[in-house]
Every structure is written in C-alpha cells, then in structure tokens.
C-alpha cells in the first residue's frame, strides 16, 4: 500500500509517492493508495493528474489502481474508489466524554472564537479580518510552526494564488505574533489531546468560526473542527467546501443557523465564500451583549438538537 500524506490541498511526499506507485505497479501489477485516513478532493490535490501521467508514461492499467479515501464525495470513472465512513465522529465523541465539559457561556466576553492550528490561506484571511475589522473582542489563535521540517508553515504562497488583495492585511496581522491556543506547540496534538485541552475555551466566546481542513473541489470530510462547537453547544459560521452546510443537514440531520444570519455563503467556494462570510461576521459584530443573550437563548433548541443528533450518530 502506498500512503499519500496530505494537508490543506497539498501532497507533502509527492516525489516518494510517485516512485512508490511505479515500483508497486512494476512488482505486483496493481497498487492500493491510502489517503492516510484523510478526505481531500483527489483532483484538487492533483493526485489524478500524477496518476494519469504515470499510467500514460508506463502504459499502466488505471483499473488496477485503488484509492482509499474518507471523502464522502470522491468518485472517478477509471480508478477504483473505496470510500470509508467519517471516522472523526466517533473519535471526537470518545475524546469529548473525557473532558467533563460543562456549558457556561460568558456571552459578553468574546464574540468569536478562531482556534486554528495550521494557518492556511483561508484561515489567515478570517483571522486577519476579525483582527482588523471587528470592534468586539474575540479569541484569535493560530499556530504556524508545529512541523519541525517546515520552520515557517504560514501559507503565504497560496495567498497570492487565491486572494492577493489580502496579502498586506495578513502580513500586518502576522506582525502581532499570533499565539497558538495550546502553548506547548512544538508538536501537533492528537485529536483526543486537542479535544481535552481546547474545549475549555468554548465557554469564553459566543460563535465559533470554523475553517475545515479540506475545502477545495468535490469533498465532504468532517473533522473535530466542525464537531467541537456542536458538542460544546456553540453556534458556528463555517468555511468549508461549497454545500458543506447543506450536506450536514440533508445527510446527517443537523440544523444550522440560517434563522439568525445569512448562510447563503454555503453556495460559494474559496475566496468568494470568504467574502460572504465577512458580511456575516460584520453583521454579528453589531450585536449588543443583550442581543447575544437573546439570540443564544433562541438557539438553544437547535444547539441541543445538534448535540443529541451527534451523540446518537452511529
């Protein structure tokens, strides 16, 4: 089996993967590719482009290549796609049970929570916008250096690809040296560790601005980032692939927050989605402390529905 290590629309071990695929095909006549329990769009990370080139160059049979993925939306006419269930749901629930988290929202303390690890271009946009353009206090965390082989993992190169107009605002934001949520950030925490140590922040802000890992192309892959606010009875705005909220509702039975703010951003992708989210963020920044309390009280049936829906999910 050839393991493809991915994150945020990149294959990190691309050269090794190409060599391993060729070697496996030559030695056995077939190859099984694992996306390492992740759910990227294989087209967006250019996996199909690489496989097409290899198969054309060496006259390999594409039907002999199987890809194991956790992307709910993945499909291909020539390569065999083996889709697996959303594994983060059970592991996040198990980790949450160990936290002894008791909801006690301090709604007047922070408006938004932005609890990010890898600062991808989309997260940097959201962090920068909240930092520069909102008047209310928010919890703004990101961690740019947890991988020892990448001393500066801020994705500044992709900013110029997707939103060059944001570069100066983001650089100005980075000058304040944003700190990670978990202070000992020399290594990436596991899901359980992250859940145990991050949920403590959820009582200190009103709305979670979620930014999922895989957001480009045809993908639906739930991680703990989406599940944490549900378990912590916290409303959320969501940066994900186009239609993510629709799938949460139609396929998993969750409810979202279109009764309280405009969720039409779910019809958009990439930077267009970011800009629509800015409009929602700006609107929520106008709420008074009493507005937040009233809104949160109104939301409680929805929040409890989502909490129970997740706990009862098999």
C-alpha atoms as a PDB file:
ATOM      1  CA  UNK A   1       0.000   0.000   0.000  1.00  0.00           C
ATOM      2  CA  UNK A   2       1.219   3.483  -0.879  1.00  0.00           C
ATOM      3  CA  UNK A   3       0.369   6.145   1.715  1.00  0.00           C
ATOM      4  CA  UNK A   4      -0.260   9.679   0.497  1.00  0.00           C
ATOM      5  CA  UNK A   5       0.217  12.317   3.207  1.00  0.00           C
ATOM      6  CA  UNK A   6      -1.944  15.359   2.591  1.00  0.00           C
ATOM      7  CA  UNK A   7      -2.982  18.556   4.289  1.00  0.00           C
ATOM      8  CA  UNK A   8      -4.816  21.620   3.009  1.00  0.00           C
ATOM      9  CA  UNK A   9      -4.738  20.618  -0.674  1.00  0.00           C
ATOM     10  CA  UNK A  10      -1.100  19.545  -0.759  1.00  0.00           C
ATOM     11  CA  UNK A  11       0.619  16.185  -1.142  1.00  0.00           C
ATOM     12  CA  UNK A  12       3.647  16.544   1.102  1.00  0.00           C
ATOM     13  CA  UNK A  13       5.519  13.411  -0.020  1.00  0.00           C
ATOM     14  CA  UNK A  14       4.794  13.782  -3.753  1.00  0.00           C
ATOM     15  CA  UNK A  15       8.130  12.510  -5.116  1.00  0.00           C
ATOM     16  CA  UNK A  16       8.120   9.495  -2.819  1.00  0.00           C
ATOM     17  CA  UNK A  17       4.509   8.689  -3.730  1.00  0.00           C
ATOM     18  CA  UNK A  18       5.274   8.744  -7.469  1.00  0.00           C
ATOM     19  CA  UNK A  19       8.259   6.424  -7.078  1.00  0.00           C
ATOM     20  CA  UNK A  20       6.364   4.037  -4.781  1.00  0.00           C
ATOM     21  CA  UNK A  21       3.415   3.814  -7.194  1.00  0.00           C
ATOM     22  CA  UNK A  22       5.663   2.962 -10.133  1.00  0.00           C
ATOM     23  CA  UNK A  23       7.575   0.404  -8.086  1.00  0.00           C
ATOM     24  CA  UNK A  24       4.396  -1.240  -6.782  1.00  0.00           C
ATOM     25  CA  UNK A  25       2.861  -1.469 -10.248  1.00  0.00           C
ATOM     26  CA  UNK A  26       6.021  -2.966 -11.745  1.00  0.00           C
ATOM     27  CA  UNK A  27       6.390  -5.514  -8.947  1.00  0.00           C
ATOM     28  CA  UNK A  28       2.747  -6.572  -8.436  1.00  0.00           C
ATOM     29  CA  UNK A  29       0.719  -5.260 -11.386  1.00  0.00           C
ATOM     30  CA  UNK A  30      -1.589  -3.246  -9.125  1.00  0.00           C
ATOM     31  CA  UNK A  31      -1.420  -0.612  -6.421  1.00  0.00           C
ATOM     32  CA  UNK A  32      -3.529   0.400  -3.459  1.00  0.00           C
ATOM     33  CA  UNK A  33      -3.281   4.043  -2.417  1.00  0.00           C
ATOM     34  CA  UNK A  34      -4.229   5.190   1.075  1.00  0.00           C
ATOM     35  CA  UNK A  35      -5.027   8.846   1.678  1.00  0.00           C
ATOM     36  CA  UNK A  36      -3.924   8.342   5.271  1.00  0.00           C
ATOM     37  CA  UNK A  37      -7.438   8.496   6.765  1.00  0.00           C
ATOM     38  CA  UNK A  38      -7.980  11.949   5.242  1.00  0.00           C
ATOM     39  CA  UNK A  39     -10.644  13.265   2.867  1.00  0.00           C
ATOM     40  CA  UNK A  40      -9.203  15.652   0.277  1.00  0.00           C
ATOM     41  CA  UNK A  41     -10.600  16.009  -3.221  1.00  0.00           C
ATOM     42  CA  UNK A  42      -8.144  13.841  -5.161  1.00  0.00           C
ATOM     43  CA  UNK A  43      -8.479  16.097  -8.181  1.00  0.00           C
ATOM     44  CA  UNK A  44      -7.709  19.241  -6.162  1.00  0.00           C
ATOM     45  CA  UNK A  45      -4.513  17.788  -4.698  1.00  0.00           C
ATOM     46  CA  UNK A  46      -3.544  16.770  -8.262  1.00  0.00           C
ATOM     47  CA  UNK A  47      -3.413  13.064  -7.427  1.00  0.00           C
ATOM     48  CA  UNK A  48      -5.298  12.153 -10.602  1.00  0.00           C
ATOM     49  CA  UNK A  49      -3.005  14.329 -12.692  1.00  0.00           C
ATOM     50  CA  UNK A  50       0.009  12.466 -11.322  1.00  0.00           C
ATOM     51  CA  UNK A  51      -1.628   9.051 -11.796  1.00  0.00           C
ATOM     52  CA  UNK A  52      -2.687   9.899 -15.353  1.00  0.00           C
ATOM     53  CA  UNK A  53       0.870  10.881 -16.202  1.00  0.00           C
ATOM     54  CA  UNK A  54       2.345   7.722 -14.653  1.00  0.00           C
ATOM     55  CA  UNK A  55      -0.176   5.437 -16.348  1.00  0.00           C
ATOM     56  CA  UNK A  56       0.343   7.093 -19.738  1.00  0.00           C
ATOM     57  CA  UNK A  57       4.131   7.108 -19.368  1.00  0.00           C
ATOM     58  CA  UNK A  58       4.415   3.438 -18.329  1.00  0.00           C
ATOM     59  CA  UNK A  59       1.258   2.062 -20.022  1.00  0.00           C
ATOM     60  CA  UNK A  60      -0.225   1.016 -16.673  1.00  0.00           C
ATOM     61  CA  UNK A  61      -3.858  -0.118 -16.427  1.00  0.00           C
ATOM     62  CA  UNK A  62      -5.796   2.523 -14.483  1.00  0.00           C
ATOM     63  CA  UNK A  63      -8.267  -0.142 -13.413  1.00  0.00           C
ATOM     64  CA  UNK A  64      -5.517  -1.712 -11.306  1.00  0.00           C
ATOM     65  CA  UNK A  65      -5.267   1.328  -9.070  1.00  0.00           C
ATOM     66  CA  UNK A  66      -7.467   1.561  -5.948  1.00  0.00           C
ATOM     67  CA  UNK A  67      -7.733   4.689  -3.814  1.00  0.00           C
ATOM     68  CA  UNK A  68      -8.926   4.515  -0.210  1.00  0.00           C
ATOM     69  CA  UNK A  69     -10.418   7.808   0.960  1.00  0.00           C
ATOM     70  CA  UNK A  70     -12.670   9.308   3.626  1.00  0.00           C
ATOM     71  CA  UNK A  71     -14.036  11.907   1.222  1.00  0.00           C
ATOM     72  CA  UNK A  72     -17.790  11.389   1.051  1.00  0.00           C
ATOM     73  CA  UNK A  73     -17.925  12.950  -2.445  1.00  0.00           C
ATOM     74  CA  UNK A  74     -14.992  11.208  -4.167  1.00  0.00           C
ATOM     75  CA  UNK A  75     -15.651   9.410  -7.480  1.00  0.00           C
ATOM     76  CA  UNK A  76     -13.790   8.540 -10.696  1.00  0.00           C
ATOM     77  CA  UNK A  77     -14.648   6.722 -13.906  1.00  0.00           C
ATOM     78  CA  UNK A  78     -11.319   4.882 -14.298  1.00  0.00           C
ATOM     79  CA  UNK A  79      -9.658   4.483 -10.901  1.00  0.00           C
ATOM     80  CA  UNK A  80     -11.348   2.336  -8.244  1.00  0.00           C
ATOM     81  CA  UNK A  81     -12.525   4.454  -5.318  1.00  0.00           C
ATOM     82  CA  UNK A  82     -13.072   2.858  -1.906  1.00  0.00           C
ATOM     83  CA  UNK A  83     -14.877   5.278   0.435  1.00  0.00           C
ATOM     84  CA  UNK A  84     -14.807   4.902   4.219  1.00  0.00           C
ATOM     85  CA  UNK A  85     -17.070   6.309   6.927  1.00  0.00           C
ATOM     86  CA  UNK A  86     -16.386   9.614   8.681  1.00  0.00           C
ATOM     87  CA  UNK A  87     -14.065   8.337  11.414  1.00  0.00           C
ATOM     88  CA  UNK A  88     -13.704  11.677  13.242  1.00  0.00           C
ATOM     89  CA  UNK A  89     -17.281  11.459  14.510  1.00  0.00           C
ATOM     90  CA  UNK A  90     -16.693   8.540  16.861  1.00  0.00           C
ATOM     91  CA  UNK A  91     -13.169   9.513  17.900  1.00  0.00           C
ATOM     92  CA  UNK A  92     -14.253  13.068  18.715  1.00  0.00           C
ATOM     93  CA  UNK A  93     -17.237  11.867  20.730  1.00  0.00           C
ATOM     94  CA  UNK A  94     -14.975   9.493  22.668  1.00  0.00           C
ATOM     95  CA  UNK A  95     -12.488  12.262  23.399  1.00  0.00           C
ATOM     96  CA  UNK A  96     -15.231  14.679  24.413  1.00  0.00           C
ATOM     97  CA  UNK A  97     -16.545  12.246  27.021  1.00  0.00           C
ATOM     98  CA  UNK A  98     -13.233  12.639  28.883  1.00  0.00           C
ATOM     99  CA  UNK A  99     -13.367  16.428  29.091  1.00  0.00           C
ATOM    100  CA  UNK A 100     -16.075  16.864  31.751  1.00  0.00           C
ATOM    101  CA  UNK A 101     -17.080  19.998  29.841  1.00  0.00           C
ATOM    102  CA  UNK A 102     -19.995  21.904  31.410  1.00  0.00           C
ATOM    103  CA  UNK A 103     -21.555  24.651  29.245  1.00  0.00           C
ATOM    104  CA  UNK A 104     -21.414  28.022  30.982  1.00  0.00           C
ATOM    105  CA  UNK A 105     -21.262  30.614  28.221  1.00  0.00           C
ATOM    106  CA  UNK A 106     -19.813  34.019  29.018  1.00  0.00           C
ATOM    107  CA  UNK A 107     -21.532  35.675  26.076  1.00  0.00           C
ATOM    108  CA  UNK A 108     -20.207  39.153  26.792  1.00  0.00           C
ATOM    109  CA  UNK A 109     -16.540  38.103  26.932  1.00  0.00           C
ATOM    110  CA  UNK A 110     -15.591  37.307  23.320  1.00  0.00           C
ATOM    111  CA  UNK A 111     -17.752  37.425  20.217  1.00  0.00           C
ATOM    112  CA  UNK A 112     -15.848  34.929  18.041  1.00  0.00           C
ATOM    113  CA  UNK A 113     -13.501  32.041  18.599  1.00  0.00           C
ATOM    114  CA  UNK A 114     -10.906  31.258  15.925  1.00  0.00           C
ATOM    115  CA  UNK A 115      -8.938  28.234  17.149  1.00  0.00           C
ATOM    116  CA  UNK A 116      -6.679  27.219  14.290  1.00  0.00           C
ATOM    117  CA  UNK A 117      -3.598  25.062  14.018  1.00  0.00           C
ATOM    118  CA  UNK A 118      -2.134  25.177  10.501  1.00  0.00           C
ATOM    119  CA  UNK A 119      -2.636  28.759   9.229  1.00  0.00           C
ATOM    120  CA  UNK A 120      -3.797  28.077   5.683  1.00  0.00           C
ATOM    121  CA  UNK A 121      -4.650  30.990   3.383  1.00  0.00           C
ATOM    122  CA  UNK A 122      -8.368  30.866   4.216  1.00  0.00           C
ATOM    123  CA  UNK A 123      -7.738  30.831   7.968  1.00  0.00           C
ATOM    124  CA  UNK A 124      -5.289  33.710   7.648  1.00  0.00           C
ATOM    125  CA  UNK A 125      -7.986  35.703   5.838  1.00  0.00           C
ATOM    126  CA  UNK A 126     -10.510  35.070   8.604  1.00  0.00           C
ATOM    127  CA  UNK A 127      -8.010  35.768  11.380  1.00  0.00           C
ATOM    128  CA  UNK A 128      -6.898  38.986   9.725  1.00  0.00           C
ATOM    129  CA  UNK A 129     -10.438  40.187   9.050  1.00  0.00           C
ATOM    130  CA  UNK A 130     -11.583  39.649  12.629  1.00  0.00           C
ATOM    131  CA  UNK A 131      -8.408  41.279  13.930  1.00  0.00           C
ATOM    132  CA  UNK A 132      -8.638  44.361  11.692  1.00  0.00           C
ATOM    133  CA  UNK A 133     -12.353  44.892  11.116  1.00  0.00           C
ATOM    134  CA  UNK A 134     -14.337  43.977  14.216  1.00  0.00           C
ATOM    135  CA  UNK A 135     -14.762  46.133  17.287  1.00  0.00           C
ATOM    136  CA  UNK A 136     -15.651  43.359  19.732  1.00  0.00           C
ATOM    137  CA  UNK A 137     -13.083  41.207  21.497  1.00  0.00           C
ATOM    138  CA  UNK A 138     -12.503  37.746  20.035  1.00  0.00           C
ATOM    139  CA  UNK A 139     -10.248  34.772  20.746  1.00  0.00           C
ATOM    140  CA  UNK A 140      -7.770  34.696  17.861  1.00  0.00           C
ATOM    141  CA  UNK A 141      -5.355  31.743  17.921  1.00  0.00           C
ATOM    142  CA  UNK A 142      -3.200  30.078  15.288  1.00  0.00           C
ATOM    143  CA  UNK A 143      -0.033  28.001  15.253  1.00  0.00           C
ATOM    144  CA  UNK A 144       2.339  28.304  12.342  1.00  0.00           C
ATOM    145  CA  UNK A 145       5.335  26.221  13.283  1.00  0.00           C
ATOM    146  CA  UNK A 146       4.432  22.832  14.702  1.00  0.00           C
ATOM    147  CA  UNK A 147       6.095  20.852  11.884  1.00  0.00           C
ATOM    148  CA  UNK A 148       9.830  20.643  12.577  1.00  0.00           C
ATOM    149  CA  UNK A 149      10.707  20.286   8.891  1.00  0.00           C
ATOM    150  CA  UNK A 150       8.775  23.441   7.936  1.00  0.00           C
ATOM    151  CA  UNK A 151      10.021  26.302  10.067  1.00  0.00           C
ATOM    152  CA  UNK A 152       7.554  28.743   8.584  1.00  0.00           C
ATOM    153  CA  UNK A 153       4.356  26.978   7.623  1.00  0.00           C
ATOM    154  CA  UNK A 154       2.293  30.118   7.096  1.00  0.00           C
ATOM    155  CA  UNK A 155       0.851  29.547   3.629  1.00  0.00           C
ATOM    156  CA  UNK A 156       1.801  32.920   2.199  1.00  0.00           C
ATOM    157  CA  UNK A 157       2.398  31.491  -1.269  1.00  0.00           C
ATOM    158  CA  UNK A 158      -1.220  30.334  -1.558  1.00  0.00           C
ATOM    159  CA  UNK A 159      -2.500  33.760  -0.523  1.00  0.00           C
ATOM    160  CA  UNK A 160      -1.122  35.148  -3.777  1.00  0.00           C
ATOM    161  CA  UNK A 161      -2.874  32.297  -5.618  1.00  0.00           C
ATOM    162  CA  UNK A 162      -6.337  32.758  -4.104  1.00  0.00           C
ATOM    163  CA  UNK A 163      -6.571  36.279  -2.697  1.00  0.00           C
ATOM    164  CA  UNK A 164      -3.594  38.541  -3.464  1.00  0.00           C
ATOM    165  CA  UNK A 165      -5.611  41.552  -2.302  1.00  0.00           C
ATOM    166  CA  UNK A 166      -5.409  40.177   1.258  1.00  0.00           C
ATOM    167  CA  UNK A 167      -1.622  39.917   1.486  1.00  0.00           C
ATOM    168  CA  UNK A 168      -0.937  43.266   3.194  1.00  0.00           C
ATOM    169  CA  UNK A 169      -3.688  42.849   5.781  1.00  0.00           C
ATOM    170  CA  UNK A 170      -2.464  39.335   6.574  1.00  0.00           C
ATOM    171  CA  UNK A 171       1.166  40.404   6.886  1.00  0.00           C
ATOM    172  CA  UNK A 172       0.094  43.229   9.214  1.00  0.00           C
ATOM    173  CA  UNK A 173      -1.825  40.686  11.278  1.00  0.00           C
ATOM    174  CA  UNK A 174       1.178  38.347  11.464  1.00  0.00           C
ATOM    175  CA  UNK A 175       3.296  41.175  12.846  1.00  0.00           C
ATOM    176  CA  UNK A 176       1.397  40.899  16.126  1.00  0.00           C
ATOM    177  CA  UNK A 177       2.856  37.399  16.510  1.00  0.00           C
ATOM    178  CA  UNK A 178      -0.403  35.472  16.968  1.00  0.00           C
ATOM    179  CA  UNK A 179      -0.089  32.794  19.600  1.00  0.00           C
ATOM    180  CA  UNK A 180      -1.311  29.199  19.480  1.00  0.00           C
ATOM    181  CA  UNK A 181      -4.245  28.073  21.588  1.00  0.00           C
ATOM    182  CA  UNK A 182      -2.038  25.358  23.067  1.00  0.00           C
ATOM    183  CA  UNK A 183       1.125  26.995  24.335  1.00  0.00           C
ATOM    184  CA  UNK A 184       3.349  23.924  24.044  1.00  0.00           C
ATOM    185  CA  UNK A 185       3.045  23.868  20.257  1.00  0.00           C
ATOM    186  CA  UNK A 186       6.222  22.018  19.286  1.00  0.00           C
ATOM    187  CA  UNK A 187       4.214  19.045  18.101  1.00  0.00           C
ATOM    188  CA  UNK A 188       0.760  18.610  16.633  1.00  0.00           C
ATOM    189  CA  UNK A 189      -1.692  17.382  19.279  1.00  0.00           C
ATOM    190  CA  UNK A 190      -3.734  14.272  18.639  1.00  0.00           C
ATOM    191  CA  UNK A 191      -7.492  14.537  18.305  1.00  0.00           C
ATOM    192  CA  UNK A 192      -8.043  13.419  21.895  1.00  0.00           C
ATOM    193  CA  UNK A 193      -5.414  15.791  23.286  1.00  0.00           C
ATOM    194  CA  UNK A 194      -6.794  18.676  21.257  1.00  0.00           C
ATOM    195  CA  UNK A 195     -10.327  17.995  22.445  1.00  0.00           C
ATOM    196  CA  UNK A 196      -9.295  17.688  26.076  1.00  0.00           C
ATOM    197  CA  UNK A 197      -7.348  20.946  26.056  1.00  0.00           C
ATOM    198  CA  UNK A 198      -9.235  23.154  23.580  1.00  0.00           C
ATOM    199  CA  UNK A 199     -12.845  22.756  24.707  1.00  0.00           C
ATOM    200  CA  UNK A 200     -12.013  24.789  27.819  1.00  0.00           C
ATOM    201  CA  UNK A 201     -12.065  27.896  25.613  1.00  0.00           C
ATOM    202  CA  UNK A 202     -15.616  27.367  24.361  1.00  0.00           C
ATOM    203  CA  UNK A 203     -17.305  28.962  27.358  1.00  0.00           C
ATOM    204  CA  UNK A 204     -15.377  32.169  26.653  1.00  0.00           C
ATOM    205  CA  UNK A 205     -16.810  33.041  23.233  1.00  0.00           C
ATOM    206  CA  UNK A 206     -20.178  33.149  21.525  1.00  0.00           C
ATOM    207  CA  UNK A 207     -19.636  31.915  17.944  1.00  0.00           C
ATOM    208  CA  UNK A 208     -17.031  29.541  16.524  1.00  0.00           C
ATOM    209  CA  UNK A 209     -15.627  30.486  13.112  1.00  0.00           C
ATOM    210  CA  UNK A 210     -14.801  27.012  11.840  1.00  0.00           C
ATOM    211  CA  UNK A 211     -12.326  26.512   8.999  1.00  0.00           C
ATOM    212  CA  UNK A 212     -12.175  22.895   7.894  1.00  0.00           C
ATOM    213  CA  UNK A 213      -9.064  21.147   6.577  1.00  0.00           C
ATOM    214  CA  UNK A 214     -10.257  20.181   3.089  1.00  0.00           C
ATOM    215  CA  UNK A 215     -12.305  22.833   1.336  1.00  0.00           C
ATOM    216  CA  UNK A 216     -11.365  22.715  -2.361  1.00  0.00           C
ATOM    217  CA  UNK A 217     -13.131  20.727  -5.044  1.00  0.00           C
ATOM    218  CA  UNK A 218     -15.665  17.950  -4.511  1.00  0.00           C
ATOM    219  CA  UNK A 219     -15.140  16.967  -0.903  1.00  0.00           C
ATOM    220  CA  UNK A 220     -17.062  16.352   2.279  1.00  0.00           C
ATOM    221  CA  UNK A 221     -14.904  15.341   5.232  1.00  0.00           C
ATOM    222  CA  UNK A 222     -15.927  16.150   8.806  1.00  0.00           C
ATOM    223  CA  UNK A 223     -13.195  16.670  11.380  1.00  0.00           C
ATOM    224  CA  UNK A 224     -13.175  17.636  15.046  1.00  0.00           C
ATOM    225  CA  UNK A 225     -13.190  21.288  13.948  1.00  0.00           C
ATOM    226  CA  UNK A 226     -16.853  21.009  12.932  1.00  0.00           C
ATOM    227  CA  UNK A 227     -17.797  18.652  15.763  1.00  0.00           C
ATOM    228  CA  UNK A 228     -16.323  20.629  18.685  1.00  0.00           C
ATOM    229  CA  UNK A 229     -18.850  23.503  18.570  1.00  0.00           C
ATOM    230  CA  UNK A 230     -21.716  21.023  18.271  1.00  0.00           C
ATOM    231  CA  UNK A 231     -20.583  19.192  21.395  1.00  0.00           C
ATOM    232  CA  UNK A 232     -19.952  22.493  23.212  1.00  0.00           C
ATOM    233  CA  UNK A 233     -23.404  23.938  22.377  1.00  0.00           C
ATOM    234  CA  UNK A 234     -21.802  26.699  20.348  1.00  0.00           C
ATOM    235  CA  UNK A 235     -23.197  28.230  17.137  1.00  0.00           C
ATOM    236  CA  UNK A 236     -20.803  28.397  14.210  1.00  0.00           C
ATOM    237  CA  UNK A 237     -20.024  30.037  10.901  1.00  0.00           C
ATOM    238  CA  UNK A 238     -18.349  27.553   8.595  1.00  0.00           C
ATOM    239  CA  UNK A 239     -15.613  27.786   5.986  1.00  0.00           C
ATOM    240  CA  UNK A 240     -15.709  24.542   4.051  1.00  0.00           C
ATOM    241  CA  UNK A 241     -16.324  23.353   0.504  1.00  0.00           C
ATOM    242  CA  UNK A 242     -19.372  24.553  -1.365  1.00  0.00           C
ATOM    243  CA  UNK A 243     -22.528  22.923   0.033  1.00  0.00           C
ATOM    244  CA  UNK A 244     -20.964  21.693   3.282  1.00  0.00           C
ATOM    245  CA  UNK A 245     -23.815  23.003   5.437  1.00  0.00           C
ATOM    246  CA  UNK A 246     -26.380  21.541   3.060  1.00  0.00           C
ATOM    247  CA  UNK A 247     -24.815  18.099   3.389  1.00  0.00           C
ATOM    248  CA  UNK A 248     -24.647  18.416   7.184  1.00  0.00           C
ATOM    249  CA  UNK A 249     -28.393  18.986   7.169  1.00  0.00           C
ATOM    250  CA  UNK A 250     -29.551  16.625   4.429  1.00  0.00           C
ATOM    251  CA  UNK A 251     -27.293  13.632   5.140  1.00  0.00           C
ATOM    252  CA  UNK A 252     -26.603  13.906   8.878  1.00  0.00           C
ATOM    253  CA  UNK A 253     -29.717  15.567  10.269  1.00  0.00           C
ATOM    254  CA  UNK A 254     -28.043  18.619  11.790  1.00  0.00           C
ATOM    255  CA  UNK A 255     -29.583  22.078  11.867  1.00  0.00           C
ATOM    256  CA  UNK A 256     -27.622  25.244  11.165  1.00  0.00           C
ATOM    257  CA  UNK A 257     -28.200  28.942  11.853  1.00  0.00           C
ATOM    258  CA  UNK A 258     -29.935  30.444   8.832  1.00  0.00           C
ATOM    259  CA  UNK A 259     -32.752  31.652  11.098  1.00  0.00           C
ATOM    260  CA  UNK A 260     -30.330  34.102  12.754  1.00  0.00           C
ATOM    261  CA  UNK A 261     -27.957  35.087   9.937  1.00  0.00           C
ATOM    262  CA  UNK A 262     -27.469  34.701   6.220  1.00  0.00           C
ATOM    263  CA  UNK A 263     -25.998  31.294   5.318  1.00  0.00           C
ATOM    264  CA  UNK A 264     -26.033  31.846   1.569  1.00  0.00           C
ATOM    265  CA  UNK A 265     -22.228  31.750   1.790  1.00  0.00           C
ATOM    266  CA  UNK A 266     -22.669  27.958   1.638  1.00  0.00           C
ATOM    267  CA  UNK A 267     -23.462  28.364  -2.078  1.00  0.00           C
ATOM    268  CA  UNK A 268     -19.951  29.706  -2.705  1.00  0.00           C
ATOM    269  CA  UNK A 269     -16.424  28.316  -2.619  1.00  0.00           C
ATOM    270  CA  UNK A 270     -12.897  29.552  -1.971  1.00  0.00           C
ATOM    271  CA  UNK A 271     -12.415  33.322  -1.679  1.00  0.00           C
ATOM    272  CA  UNK A 272     -15.995  34.076  -2.777  1.00  0.00           C
ATOM    273  CA  UNK A 273     -17.146  32.123   0.274  1.00  0.00           C
ATOM    274  CA  UNK A 274     -14.703  34.005   2.497  1.00  0.00           C
ATOM    275  CA  UNK A 275     -16.072  37.355   1.314  1.00  0.00           C
ATOM    276  CA  UNK A 276     -19.653  36.251   2.004  1.00  0.00           C
ATOM    277  CA  UNK A 277     -18.561  35.132   5.477  1.00  0.00           C
ATOM    278  CA  UNK A 278     -17.072  38.579   6.070  1.00  0.00           C
ATOM    279  CA  UNK A 279     -20.573  40.028   5.633  1.00  0.00           C
ATOM    280  CA  UNK A 280     -21.933  37.691   8.315  1.00  0.00           C
ATOM    281  CA  UNK A 281     -19.019  38.460  10.642  1.00  0.00           C
ATOM    282  CA  UNK A 282     -19.566  42.196  10.193  1.00  0.00           C
ATOM    283  CA  UNK A 283     -23.276  41.860  10.932  1.00  0.00           C
ATOM    284  CA  UNK A 284     -22.668  39.843  14.102  1.00  0.00           C
ATOM    285  CA  UNK A 285     -20.139  42.420  15.244  1.00  0.00           C
ATOM    286  CA  UNK A 286     -23.017  44.918  15.554  1.00  0.00           C
ATOM    287  CA  UNK A 287     -24.849  42.840  18.175  1.00  0.00           C
ATOM    288  CA  UNK A 288     -25.113  44.154  21.698  1.00  0.00           C
ATOM    289  CA  UNK A 289     -24.500  41.971  24.747  1.00  0.00           C
ATOM    290  CA  UNK A 290     -28.268  41.675  25.193  1.00  0.00           C
ATOM    291  CA  UNK A 291     -28.659  40.740  21.514  1.00  0.00           C
ATOM    292  CA  UNK A 292     -26.189  37.889  22.011  1.00  0.00           C
ATOM    293  CA  UNK A 293     -28.037  36.587  25.055  1.00  0.00           C
ATOM    294  CA  UNK A 294     -31.405  36.760  23.310  1.00  0.00           C
ATOM    295  CA  UNK A 295     -30.023  35.047  20.228  1.00  0.00           C
ATOM    296  CA  UNK A 296     -28.307  32.314  22.221  1.00  0.00           C
ATOM    297  CA  UNK A 297     -31.475  31.594  24.199  1.00  0.00           C
ATOM    298  CA  UNK A 298     -33.439  31.344  20.939  1.00  0.00           C
ATOM    299  CA  UNK A 299     -30.814  28.987  19.511  1.00  0.00           C
ATOM    300  CA  UNK A 300     -30.819  26.561  22.412  1.00  0.00           C
ATOM    301  CA  UNK A 301     -33.331  24.097  20.894  1.00  0.00           C
ATOM    302  CA  UNK A 302     -31.200  23.969  17.721  1.00  0.00           C
ATOM    303  CA  UNK A 303     -27.985  23.562  19.702  1.00  0.00           C
ATOM    304  CA  UNK A 304     -29.473  20.763  21.799  1.00  0.00           C
ATOM    305  CA  UNK A 305     -30.856  19.071  18.695  1.00  0.00           C
ATOM    306  CA  UNK A 306     -27.382  19.053  17.114  1.00  0.00           C
ATOM    307  CA  UNK A 307     -25.749  17.833  20.332  1.00  0.00           C
ATOM    308  CA  UNK A 308     -28.153  14.899  20.635  1.00  0.00           C
ATOM    309  CA  UNK A 309     -28.004  14.186  16.908  1.00  0.00           C
ATOM    310  CA  UNK A 310     -24.215  13.844  17.127  1.00  0.00           C
ATOM    311  CA  UNK A 311     -24.247  11.723  20.288  1.00  0.00           C
ATOM    312  CA  UNK A 312     -26.792   9.365  18.717  1.00  0.00           C
ATOM    313  CA  UNK A 313     -24.947   9.082  15.405  1.00  0.00           C
ATOM    314  CA  UNK A 314     -23.646   5.578  14.749  1.00  0.00           C
END
